[in-house]
């Protein structure tokens, strides 16, 4: 996963980097930030999960204030 794609997914998911890092099994957001900056590679299993999670959220957005 490219750093640009990772940044897009983080924006799509809309969670804090710390929260997302914990979901991915990292002790802190430092590893996620390193991947986001292109200084580290996100493992394939974590990248795949992020892609699937972002796709699911795109198709199943949370309710908004204006929802009936």
PDB file of N, CA and C in Angstrom:
ATOM      1  N   UNK A   1       0.848  -1.165   0.000  1.00  0.00           N
ATOM      2  CA  UNK A   1       0.000   0.000   0.000  1.00  0.00           C
ATOM      3  C   UNK A   1       0.899   1.236   0.000  1.00  0.00           C
ATOM      4  N   UNK A   2       0.575   2.154  -0.851  1.00  0.00           N
ATOM      5  CA  UNK A   2       1.359   3.384  -0.927  1.00  0.00           C
ATOM      6  C   UNK A   2       1.005   4.308   0.245  1.00  0.00           C
ATOM      7  N   UNK A   3       1.926   5.182   0.602  1.00  0.00           N
ATOM      8  CA  UNK A   3       1.606   6.147   1.656  1.00  0.00           C
ATOM      9  C   UNK A   3       0.383   6.996   1.306  1.00  0.00           C
ATOM     10  N   UNK A   4       0.261   7.379   0.044  1.00  0.00           N
ATOM     11  CA  UNK A   4      -0.903   8.183  -0.379  1.00  0.00           C
ATOM     12  C   UNK A   4      -2.203   7.408  -0.176  1.00  0.00           C
ATOM     13  N   UNK A   5      -2.206   6.136  -0.548  1.00  0.00           N
ATOM     14  CA  UNK A   5      -3.413   5.317  -0.381  1.00  0.00           C
ATOM     15  C   UNK A   5      -3.731   5.164   1.107  1.00  0.00           C
ATOM     16  N   UNK A   6      -2.716   4.975   1.911  1.00  0.00           N
ATOM     17  CA  UNK A   6      -2.947   4.865   3.345  1.00  0.00           C
ATOM     18  C   UNK A   6      -3.575   6.144   3.889  1.00  0.00           C
ATOM     19  N   UNK A   7      -3.093   7.293   3.463  1.00  0.00           N
ATOM     20  CA  UNK A   7      -3.685   8.566   3.903  1.00  0.00           C
ATOM     21  C   UNK A   7      -5.142   8.679   3.448  1.00  0.00           C
ATOM     22  N   UNK A   8      -5.447   8.232   2.235  1.00  0.00           N
ATOM     23  CA  UNK A   8      -6.826   8.254   1.744  1.00  0.00           C
ATOM     24  C   UNK A   8      -7.723   7.373   2.608  1.00  0.00           C
ATOM     25  N   UNK A   9      -7.237   6.189   2.926  1.00  0.00           N
ATOM     26  CA  UNK A   9      -8.029   5.270   3.737  1.00  0.00           C
ATOM     27  C   UNK A   9      -8.242   5.828   5.136  1.00  0.00           C
ATOM     28  N   UNK A  10      -7.204   6.405   5.720  1.00  0.00           N
ATOM     29  CA  UNK A  10      -7.345   6.996   7.054  1.00  0.00           C
ATOM     30  C   UNK A  10      -8.417   8.082   7.024  1.00  0.00           C
ATOM     31  N   UNK A  11      -8.430   8.894   5.994  1.00  0.00           N
ATOM     32  CA  UNK A  11      -9.454   9.942   5.868  1.00  0.00           C
ATOM     33  C   UNK A  11     -10.840   9.336   5.697  1.00  0.00           C
ATOM     34  N   UNK A  12     -10.944   8.280   4.907  1.00  0.00           N
ATOM     35  CA  UNK A  12     -12.230   7.617   4.671  1.00  0.00           C
ATOM     36  C   UNK A  12     -12.777   7.005   5.952  1.00  0.00           C
ATOM     37  N   UNK A  13     -11.910   6.355   6.712  1.00  0.00           N
ATOM     38  CA  UNK A  13     -12.344   5.676   7.925  1.00  0.00           C
ATOM     39  C   UNK A  13     -12.769   6.672   8.996  1.00  0.00           C
ATOM     40  N   UNK A  14     -12.070   7.791   9.078  1.00  0.00           N
ATOM     41  CA  UNK A  14     -12.479   8.848   9.994  1.00  0.00           C
ATOM     42  C   UNK A  14     -12.227   8.559  11.467  1.00  0.00           C
ATOM     43  N   UNK A  15     -11.286   7.700  11.767  1.00  0.00           N
ATOM     44  CA  UNK A  15     -10.906   7.439  13.155  1.00  0.00           C
ATOM     45  C   UNK A  15      -9.572   8.111  13.429  1.00  0.00           C
ATOM     46  N   UNK A  16      -9.286   8.314  14.692  1.00  0.00           N
ATOM     47  CA  UNK A  16      -7.986   8.879  15.022  1.00  0.00           C
ATOM     48  C   UNK A  16      -6.903   7.875  14.655  1.00  0.00           C
ATOM     49  N   UNK A  17      -5.722   8.362  14.406  1.00  0.00           N
ATOM     50  CA  UNK A  17      -4.617   7.461  14.074  1.00  0.00           C
ATOM     51  C   UNK A  17      -4.299   6.538  15.248  1.00  0.00           C
ATOM     52  N   UNK A  18      -4.413   7.060  16.451  1.00  0.00           N
ATOM     53  CA  UNK A  18      -4.172   6.231  17.632  1.00  0.00           C
ATOM     54  C   UNK A  18      -5.165   5.090  17.722  1.00  0.00           C
ATOM     55  N   UNK A  19      -6.440   5.395  17.495  1.00  0.00           N
ATOM     56  CA  UNK A  19      -7.476   4.368  17.538  1.00  0.00           C
ATOM     57  C   UNK A  19      -7.265   3.351  16.428  1.00  0.00           C
ATOM     58  N   UNK A  20      -6.961   3.832  15.243  1.00  0.00           N
ATOM     59  CA  UNK A  20      -6.743   2.947  14.105  1.00  0.00           C
ATOM     60  C   UNK A  20      -5.507   2.076  14.329  1.00  0.00           C
ATOM     61  N   UNK A  21      -4.462   2.649  14.896  1.00  0.00           N
ATOM     62  CA  UNK A  21      -3.250   1.871  15.191  1.00  0.00           C
ATOM     63  C   UNK A  21      -3.570   0.736  16.163  1.00  0.00           C
ATOM     64  N   UNK A  22      -4.379   1.021  17.182  1.00  0.00           N
ATOM     65  CA  UNK A  22      -4.760  -0.031  18.135  1.00  0.00           C
ATOM     66  C   UNK A  22      -5.582  -1.109  17.449  1.00  0.00           C
ATOM     67  N   UNK A  23      -6.493  -0.714  16.544  1.00  0.00           N
ATOM     68  CA  UNK A  23      -7.270  -1.707  15.794  1.00  0.00           C
ATOM     69  C   UNK A  23      -6.366  -2.637  14.977  1.00  0.00           C
ATOM     70  N   UNK A  24      -5.259  -2.085  14.496  1.00  0.00           N
ATOM     71  CA  UNK A  24      -4.317  -2.858  13.689  1.00  0.00           C
ATOM     72  C   UNK A  24      -3.334  -3.659  14.542  1.00  0.00           C
ATOM     73  N   UNK A  25      -3.393  -3.481  15.858  1.00  0.00           N
ATOM     74  CA  UNK A  25      -2.531  -4.248  16.744  1.00  0.00           C
ATOM     75  C   UNK A  25      -1.213  -3.589  17.081  1.00  0.00           C
ATOM     76  N   UNK A  26      -1.082  -2.301  16.803  1.00  0.00           N
ATOM     77  CA  UNK A  26       0.128  -1.575  17.158  1.00  0.00           C
ATOM     78  C   UNK A  26      -0.025  -1.003  18.557  1.00  0.00           C
ATOM     79  N   UNK A  27       1.076  -0.928  19.285  1.00  0.00           N
ATOM     80  CA  UNK A  27       1.046  -0.373  20.638  1.00  0.00           C
ATOM     81  C   UNK A  27       0.822   1.139  20.615  1.00  0.00           C
ATOM     82  N   UNK A  28       1.280   1.793  19.557  1.00  0.00           N
ATOM     83  CA  UNK A  28       1.086   3.238  19.429  1.00  0.00           C
ATOM     84  C   UNK A  28       0.906   3.575  17.957  1.00  0.00           C
ATOM     85  N   UNK A  29       0.611   4.833  17.697  1.00  0.00           N
ATOM     86  CA  UNK A  29       0.393   5.256  16.316  1.00  0.00           C
ATOM     87  C   UNK A  29       1.693   5.486  15.552  1.00  0.00           C
ATOM     88  N   UNK A  30       2.835   5.358  16.215  1.00  0.00           N
ATOM     89  CA  UNK A  30       4.122   5.629  15.566  1.00  0.00           C
ATOM     90  C   UNK A  30       4.345   4.742  14.342  1.00  0.00           C
ATOM     91  N   UNK A  31       4.019   3.469  14.444  1.00  0.00           N
ATOM     92  CA  UNK A  31       4.209   2.559  13.305  1.00  0.00           C
ATOM     93  C   UNK A  31       3.309   2.945  12.143  1.00  0.00           C
ATOM     94  N   UNK A  32       2.096   3.329  12.447  1.00  0.00           N
ATOM     95  CA  UNK A  32       1.163   3.753  11.406  1.00  0.00           C
ATOM     96  C   UNK A  32       1.655   5.039  10.750  1.00  0.00           C
ATOM     97  N   UNK A  33       2.142   5.963  11.541  1.00  0.00           N
ATOM     98  CA  UNK A  33       2.674   7.220  10.994  1.00  0.00           C
ATOM     99  C   UNK A  33       3.893   6.971  10.111  1.00  0.00           C
ATOM    100  N   UNK A  34       4.738   6.017  10.490  1.00  0.00           N
ATOM    101  CA  UNK A  34       5.905   5.691   9.675  1.00  0.00           C
ATOM    102  C   UNK A  34       5.461   5.157   8.309  1.00  0.00           C
ATOM    103  N   UNK A  35       4.447   4.320   8.284  1.00  0.00           N
ATOM    104  CA  UNK A  35       3.919   3.795   7.016  1.00  0.00           C
ATOM    105  C   UNK A  35       3.281   4.918   6.205  1.00  0.00           C
ATOM    106  N   UNK A  36       2.599   5.807   6.881  1.00  0.00           N
ATOM    107  CA  UNK A  36       1.950   6.941   6.218  1.00  0.00           C
ATOM    108  C   UNK A  36       2.977   7.873   5.570  1.00  0.00           C
ATOM    109  N   UNK A  37       4.151   7.959   6.155  1.00  0.00           N
ATOM    110  CA  UNK A  37       5.219   8.817   5.622  1.00  0.00           C
ATOM    111  C   UNK A  37       6.114   8.093   4.624  1.00  0.00           C
ATOM    112  N   UNK A  38       5.870   6.801   4.420  1.00  0.00           N
ATOM    113  CA  UNK A  38       6.677   6.038   3.475  1.00  0.00           C
ATOM    114  C   UNK A  38       7.986   5.541   4.055  1.00  0.00           C
ATOM    115  N   UNK A  39       8.136   5.623   5.347  1.00  0.00           N
ATOM    116  CA  UNK A  39       9.387   5.196   6.001  1.00  0.00           C
ATOM    117  C   UNK A  39       9.340   3.741   6.454  1.00  0.00           C
ATOM    118  N   UNK A  40       8.155   3.159   6.460  1.00  0.00           N
ATOM    119  CA  UNK A  40       7.976   1.757   6.826  1.00  0.00           C
ATOM    120  C   UNK A  40       6.891   1.184   5.921  1.00  0.00           C
ATOM    121  N   UNK A  41       6.906  -0.109   5.791  1.00  0.00           N
ATOM    122  CA  UNK A  41       5.916  -0.783   4.946  1.00  0.00           C
ATOM    123  C   UNK A  41       4.827  -1.364   5.834  1.00  0.00           C
ATOM    124  N   UNK A  42       3.583  -1.113   5.475  1.00  0.00           N
ATOM    125  CA  UNK A  42       2.461  -1.697   6.184  1.00  0.00           C
ATOM    126  C   UNK A  42       2.348  -3.156   5.745  1.00  0.00           C
ATOM    127  N   UNK A  43       2.318  -4.099   6.674  1.00  0.00           N
ATOM    128  CA  UNK A  43       2.211  -5.503   6.289  1.00  0.00           C
ATOM    129  C   UNK A  43       0.967  -5.762   5.430  1.00  0.00           C
ATOM    130  N   UNK A  44       1.070  -6.729   4.532  1.00  0.00           N
ATOM    131  CA  UNK A  44      -0.010  -7.019   3.587  1.00  0.00           C
ATOM    132  C   UNK A  44      -1.329  -7.344   4.286  1.00  0.00           C
ATOM    133  N   UNK A  45      -1.292  -8.080   5.391  1.00  0.00           N
ATOM    134  CA  UNK A  45      -2.542  -8.428   6.065  1.00  0.00           C
ATOM    135  C   UNK A  45      -3.229  -7.190   6.631  1.00  0.00           C
ATOM    136  N   UNK A  46      -2.461  -6.260   7.153  1.00  0.00           N
ATOM    137  CA  UNK A  46      -3.037  -5.024   7.695  1.00  0.00           C
ATOM    138  C   UNK A  46      -3.541  -4.120   6.563  1.00  0.00           C
ATOM    139  N   UNK A  47      -2.802  -4.048   5.476  1.00  0.00           N
ATOM    140  CA  UNK A  47      -3.214  -3.248   4.318  1.00  0.00           C
ATOM    141  C   UNK A  47      -4.508  -3.801   3.728  1.00  0.00           C
ATOM    142  N   UNK A  48      -4.592  -5.106   3.610  1.00  0.00           N
ATOM    143  CA  UNK A  48      -5.798  -5.739   3.070  1.00  0.00           C
ATOM    144  C   UNK A  48      -7.006  -5.466   3.961  1.00  0.00           C
ATOM    145  N   UNK A  49      -6.811  -5.575   5.279  1.00  0.00           N
ATOM    146  CA  UNK A  49      -7.902  -5.313   6.202  1.00  0.00           C
ATOM    147  C   UNK A  49      -8.376  -3.875   6.086  1.00  0.00           C
ATOM    148  N   UNK A  50      -7.434  -2.941   6.001  1.00  0.00           N
ATOM    149  CA  UNK A  50      -7.800  -1.529   5.864  1.00  0.00           C
ATOM    150  C   UNK A  50      -8.587  -1.280   4.586  1.00  0.00           C
ATOM    151  N   UNK A  51      -8.182  -1.894   3.484  1.00  0.00           N
ATOM    152  CA  UNK A  51      -8.905  -1.748   2.213  1.00  0.00           C
ATOM    153  C   UNK A  51     -10.340  -2.254   2.355  1.00  0.00           C
ATOM    154  N   UNK A  52     -10.500  -3.421   2.963  1.00  0.00           N
ATOM    155  CA  UNK A  52     -11.850  -3.997   3.132  1.00  0.00           C
ATOM    156  C   UNK A  52     -12.700  -3.146   4.077  1.00  0.00           C
ATOM    157  N   UNK A  53     -12.093  -2.670   5.158  1.00  0.00           N
ATOM    158  CA  UNK A  53     -12.819  -1.849   6.121  1.00  0.00           C
ATOM    159  C   UNK A  53     -13.266  -0.531   5.485  1.00  0.00           C
ATOM    160  N   UNK A  54     -12.385   0.103   4.730  1.00  0.00           N
ATOM    161  CA  UNK A  54     -12.731   1.360   4.057  1.00  0.00           C
ATOM    162  C   UNK A  54     -13.840   1.139   3.035  1.00  0.00           C
ATOM    163  N   UNK A  55     -13.770   0.028   2.289  1.00  0.00           N
ATOM    164  CA  UNK A  55     -14.818  -0.276   1.304  1.00  0.00           C
ATOM    165  C   UNK A  55     -16.149  -0.509   2.004  1.00  0.00           C
ATOM    166  N   UNK A  56     -16.123  -1.216   3.119  1.00  0.00           N
ATOM    167  CA  UNK A  56     -17.357  -1.475   3.854  1.00  0.00           C
ATOM    168  C   UNK A  56     -17.959  -0.162   4.349  1.00  0.00           C
ATOM    169  N   UNK A  57     -17.124   0.716   4.910  1.00  0.00           N
ATOM    170  CA  UNK A  57     -17.626   2.001   5.396  1.00  0.00           C
ATOM    171  C   UNK A  57     -18.188   2.860   4.262  1.00  0.00           C
ATOM    172  N   UNK A  58     -17.564   2.782   3.106  1.00  0.00           N
ATOM    173  CA  UNK A  58     -18.065   3.545   1.957  1.00  0.00           C
ATOM    174  C   UNK A  58     -19.467   3.094   1.587  1.00  0.00           C
ATOM    175  N   UNK A  59     -19.722   1.793   1.665  1.00  0.00           N
ATOM    176  CA  UNK A  59     -21.030   1.243   1.317  1.00  0.00           C
ATOM    177  C   UNK A  59     -22.017   1.267   2.475  1.00  0.00           C
ATOM    178  N   UNK A  60     -21.538   1.490   3.686  1.00  0.00           N
ATOM    179  CA  UNK A  60     -22.376   1.492   4.882  1.00  0.00           C
ATOM    180  C   UNK A  60     -22.012   2.675   5.768  1.00  0.00           C
ATOM    181  N   UNK A  61     -22.255   3.888   5.288  1.00  0.00           N
ATOM    182  CA  UNK A  61     -21.852   5.062   6.082  1.00  0.00           C
ATOM    183  C   UNK A  61     -22.654   5.151   7.370  1.00  0.00           C
ATOM    184  N   UNK A  62     -22.052   5.728   8.397  1.00  0.00           N
ATOM    185  CA  UNK A  62     -22.793   5.906   9.644  1.00  0.00           C
ATOM    186  C   UNK A  62     -23.898   6.924   9.458  1.00  0.00           C
ATOM    187  N   UNK A  63     -24.906   6.881  10.313  1.00  0.00           N
ATOM    188  CA  UNK A  63     -25.980   7.866  10.216  1.00  0.00           C
ATOM    189  C   UNK A  63     -25.445   9.280  10.466  1.00  0.00           C
ATOM    190  N   UNK A  64     -26.120  10.232   9.882  1.00  0.00           N
ATOM    191  CA  UNK A  64     -25.753  11.633  10.085  1.00  0.00           C
ATOM    192  C   UNK A  64     -26.818  12.323  10.922  1.00  0.00           C
ATOM    193  N   UNK A  65     -26.540  13.537  11.316  1.00  0.00           N
ATOM    194  CA  UNK A  65     -27.518  14.302  12.107  1.00  0.00           C
ATOM    195  C   UNK A  65     -28.819  14.482  11.358  1.00  0.00           C
ATOM    196  N   UNK A  66     -28.747  14.566  10.044  1.00  0.00           N
ATOM    197  CA  UNK A  66     -29.943  14.832   9.243  1.00  0.00           C
ATOM    198  C   UNK A  66     -30.680  13.572   8.819  1.00  0.00           C
ATOM    199  N   UNK A  67     -30.249  12.401   9.306  1.00  0.00           N
ATOM    200  CA  UNK A  67     -30.924  11.160   8.943  1.00  0.00           C
ATOM    201  C   UNK A  67     -32.303  11.129   9.576  1.00  0.00           C
ATOM    202  N   UNK A  68     -33.270  10.535   8.875  1.00  0.00           N
ATOM    203  CA  UNK A  68     -34.617  10.438   9.448  1.00  0.00           C
ATOM    204  C   UNK A  68     -34.678   9.537  10.658  1.00  0.00           C
TER     205      UNK A  68
END
